[in-house]
Amino acid sequence: MSEINNEFLKRIPLPKKLSKLFWDYNFKSLSWREDKDFIIKRILQTGDWESIKWLRKTADELAIRSWIEDHHGRGSDSRRLRYWGLYSISTIKNSTYG
């Protein structure tokens, strides 16, 4: 999934439904390729369920888990950290036993 989707996403703009999360940036200038870390961070911190679903379709589960682990949940509240901690654990189980 990563290679095909990432190549495709390099060329297309982000969906408009994400624009409300990036109110403080020039949304049209954001690109998945150039701003991937920032986009993931913002969606994990403040995204609604629709934006999280988009992220899960766009980035594979291992990429999201790696991002969470690499950034130690910086900037997230405890409720979201617990959710993403459970998500991280479930992707480990699914990739190990699935």
Protein backbone atom coordinates (compact mmCIF):
# COMPACT_ATOMS: atom_id res chain seq x y z
CA MET A 1 0.00 0.00 0.00
CA SER A 2 2.72 2.50 0.97
CA GLU A 3 4.58 2.76 -2.32
CA ILE A 4 1.57 3.10 -4.61
CA ASN A 5 -0.39 5.40 -2.30
CA ASN A 6 2.61 7.56 -1.43
CA GLU A 7 3.46 8.08 -5.11
CA PHE A 8 -0.16 8.96 -5.83
CA LEU A 9 -0.44 11.27 -2.82
CA LYS A 10 2.66 13.23 -3.78
CA ARG A 11 0.69 14.65 -6.69
CA ILE A 12 -2.73 15.34 -5.23
CA PRO A 13 -3.86 17.98 -2.75
CA LEU A 14 -5.09 17.00 0.70
CA PRO A 15 -8.87 16.56 1.00
CA LYS A 16 -10.74 19.77 1.81
CA LYS A 17 -12.32 18.11 4.85
CA LEU A 18 -8.90 18.34 6.54
CA SER A 19 -8.59 22.10 6.04
CA LYS A 20 -10.28 22.93 9.37
CA LEU A 21 -7.39 21.21 11.17
CA PHE A 22 -4.85 23.47 9.48
CA TRP A 23 -6.58 26.82 9.97
CA ASP A 24 -3.26 28.42 10.93
CA TYR A 25 -1.43 27.33 7.74
CA ASN A 26 -1.85 27.86 4.05
CA PHE A 27 -3.73 24.61 3.50
CA LYS A 28 -3.24 24.59 -0.27
CA SER A 29 0.52 24.63 0.17
CA LEU A 30 0.59 21.49 2.32
CA SER A 31 1.58 18.25 0.62
CA TRP A 32 1.69 14.72 1.93
CA ARG A 33 5.25 14.23 0.69
CA GLU A 34 6.68 17.41 2.16
CA ASP A 35 4.58 17.75 5.32
CA LYS A 36 3.77 14.16 6.25
CA ASP A 37 5.02 14.40 9.86
CA PHE A 38 3.15 17.62 10.49
CA ILE A 39 -0.06 16.30 8.91
CA ILE A 40 0.07 13.09 10.96
CA LYS A 41 0.76 15.07 14.13
CA ARG A 42 -2.12 17.47 13.59
CA ILE A 43 -4.59 14.69 12.76
CA LEU A 44 -3.55 12.60 15.77
CA GLN A 45 -3.75 15.63 18.07
CA THR A 46 -6.92 17.35 16.93
CA GLY A 47 -8.53 15.30 14.19
CA ASP A 48 -12.08 14.05 14.20
CA TRP A 49 -13.07 10.51 13.27
CA GLU A 50 -13.33 11.34 9.54
CA SER A 51 -9.79 12.72 9.42
CA ILE A 52 -8.48 9.71 11.36
CA LYS A 53 -10.16 7.38 8.86
CA TRP A 54 -8.50 9.31 6.03
CA LEU A 55 -5.13 9.00 7.75
CA ARG A 56 -5.58 5.27 8.24
CA LYS A 57 -6.36 4.86 4.52
CA THR A 58 -3.45 7.06 3.51
CA ALA A 59 -0.65 5.88 5.78
CA ASP A 60 -0.34 2.23 6.65
CA GLU A 61 -0.81 1.16 10.26
CA LEU A 62 2.88 0.50 10.85
CA ALA A 63 3.75 4.02 9.67
CA ILE A 64 1.25 5.53 12.12
CA ARG A 65 2.50 3.33 14.95
CA SER A 66 6.10 4.25 14.18
CA TRP A 67 5.24 7.94 14.17
CA ILE A 68 3.56 7.64 17.58
CA GLU A 69 6.52 5.76 19.03
CA ASP A 70 9.13 8.06 17.48
CA HIS A 71 7.43 11.23 18.74
CA HIS A 72 6.47 9.86 22.18
CA GLY A 73 3.02 11.41 21.86
CA ARG A 74 4.30 14.97 22.17
CA GLY A 75 1.51 17.52 22.08
CA SER A 76 -1.33 15.08 22.76
CA ASP A 77 -3.57 15.02 25.79
CA SER A 78 -3.71 11.94 28.02
CA ARG A 79 -7.02 10.70 26.59
CA ARG A 80 -5.68 10.68 23.03
CA LEU A 81 -2.41 9.13 24.15
CA ARG A 82 -4.30 6.25 25.75
CA TYR A 83 -6.30 5.72 22.57
CA TRP A 84 -3.23 5.78 20.35
CA GLY A 85 -1.36 3.56 22.82
CA LEU A 86 -4.12 0.98 22.43
CA TYR A 87 -4.04 1.46 18.67
CA SER A 88 -0.29 0.89 18.66
CA ILE A 89 -0.65 -2.28 20.72
CA SER A 90 -3.41 -3.62 18.45
CA THR A 91 -1.32 -3.05 15.30
CA ILE A 92 1.56 -4.95 16.88
CA LYS A 93 -0.78 -7.85 17.68
CA ASN A 94 -2.34 -7.78 14.22
CA SER A 95 1.00 -7.65 12.42
CA THR A 96 2.47 -10.38 14.64
CA TYR A 97 -0.46 -12.77 14.69
CA GLY A 98 -2.45 -11.69 11.63
